[in-house]
Amino acid sequence: MTRVSISEARRRLPELVRQVKQDRGSVVQITVRDEVVAELRAALTDPEPGAAARALLELARKLPKPRKGRPTDVSAHVKDYLYSRRP
């Protein structure tokens, strides 16, 4: 992680952008009076179209089969899938 003052960031912006582009995990912190006010990092890649729908369909396949006459609470399982840490 690199820390630079805002005036230095203005002068070195093209270089800092190249650095972040080359090393996607690097972060440049921009400071004003030694307080971090911004971070420069690589942009997240756009998800593949339909990826969310495929993930939900996969989750639906893993759900237990519904019993007759009793609805399944799908939203509880979706939240677990979306917000739980997966290996």
Protein backbone atom coordinates (compact mmCIF):
# COMPACT_ATOMS: atom_id res chain seq x y z
CA MET A 1 0.00 0.00 0.00
CA THR A 2 1.41 3.35 -1.06
CA ARG A 3 0.64 6.65 0.66
CA VAL A 4 1.02 9.94 -1.19
CA SER A 5 -0.04 13.50 -0.45
CA ILE A 6 -2.70 15.01 -2.66
CA SER A 7 -0.21 17.39 -4.28
CA GLU A 8 2.13 14.50 -5.08
CA ALA A 9 -0.81 12.48 -6.41
CA ARG A 10 -1.67 15.32 -8.79
CA ARG A 11 1.88 15.37 -10.15
CA ARG A 12 2.22 11.57 -10.39
CA LEU A 13 -1.33 10.58 -11.35
CA PRO A 14 -0.46 8.86 -14.67
CA GLU A 15 2.31 6.87 -12.96
CA LEU A 16 0.03 5.90 -10.05
CA VAL A 17 -2.72 4.77 -12.42
CA ARG A 18 -0.22 2.61 -14.34
CA GLN A 19 0.98 1.11 -11.05
CA VAL A 20 -2.56 0.19 -9.99
CA LYS A 21 -3.36 -1.16 -13.44
CA GLN A 22 -0.28 -3.42 -13.46
CA ASP A 23 -0.71 -4.74 -9.93
CA ARG A 24 -4.49 -5.17 -9.52
CA GLY A 25 -4.14 -5.72 -5.78
CA SER A 26 -2.23 -2.53 -5.05
CA VAL A 27 -3.84 0.45 -3.34
CA VAL A 28 -2.66 4.04 -3.33
CA GLN A 29 -3.87 6.08 -0.36
CA ILE A 30 -4.15 9.82 -0.92
CA THR A 31 -3.67 12.01 2.13
CA VAL A 32 -4.41 15.57 3.13
CA ARG A 33 -2.40 16.70 6.16
CA ASP A 34 -1.46 13.08 6.91
CA GLU A 35 -5.13 11.94 6.96
CA VAL A 36 -6.20 9.39 4.36
CA VAL A 37 -9.05 10.92 2.35
CA ALA A 38 -9.15 8.70 -0.74
CA GLU A 39 -7.88 5.46 -2.22
CA LEU A 40 -6.91 4.67 -5.77
CA ARG A 41 -7.36 1.02 -6.71
CA ALA A 42 -8.14 -1.04 -9.80
CA ALA A 43 -11.76 -1.13 -10.89
CA LEU A 44 -13.73 -4.30 -10.33
CA THR A 45 -14.44 -6.29 -13.44
CA ASP A 46 -18.04 -6.43 -14.58
CA PRO A 47 -19.76 -9.71 -13.82
CA GLU A 48 -20.56 -11.96 -16.73
CA PRO A 49 -24.12 -11.38 -17.99
CA GLY A 50 -26.45 -13.91 -16.41
CA ALA A 51 -24.04 -14.89 -13.63
CA ALA A 52 -26.46 -13.85 -10.87
CA ALA A 53 -29.33 -15.76 -12.47
CA ARG A 54 -27.18 -18.89 -12.81
CA ALA A 55 -26.15 -18.63 -9.16
CA LEU A 56 -29.78 -18.33 -8.06
CA LEU A 57 -30.83 -21.29 -10.20
CA GLU A 58 -28.01 -23.36 -8.71
CA LEU A 59 -29.16 -22.37 -5.24
CA ALA A 60 -32.76 -23.31 -6.08
CA ARG A 61 -31.59 -26.78 -7.16
CA LYS A 62 -29.89 -27.27 -3.79
CA LEU A 63 -32.98 -26.36 -1.77
CA PRO A 64 -34.94 -29.20 -0.20
CA LYS A 65 -37.98 -30.28 -2.15
CA PRO A 66 -41.08 -28.49 -0.86
CA ARG A 67 -43.63 -30.50 1.05
CA LYS A 68 -47.17 -30.46 -0.20
CA GLY A 69 -49.22 -27.64 1.23
CA ARG A 70 -46.28 -25.90 2.88
CA PRO A 71 -44.41 -23.05 1.10
CA THR A 72 -40.61 -22.91 1.26
CA ASP A 73 -38.96 -19.74 2.59
CA VAL A 74 -36.61 -19.16 -0.34
CA SER A 75 -35.40 -15.70 0.71
CA ALA A 76 -33.75 -17.05 3.87
CA HIS A 77 -31.65 -19.44 1.80
CA VAL A 78 -30.79 -16.76 -0.77
CA LYS A 79 -29.43 -14.45 1.93
CA ASP A 80 -27.29 -17.28 3.34
CA TYR A 81 -25.92 -18.01 -0.13
CA LEU A 82 -25.24 -14.40 -1.07
CA TYR A 83 -23.79 -13.18 2.22
CA SER A 84 -22.03 -16.20 3.70
CA ARG A 85 -18.33 -16.75 3.21
CA ARG A 86 -17.62 -19.52 0.77
CA PRO A 87 -14.25 -21.29 0.42
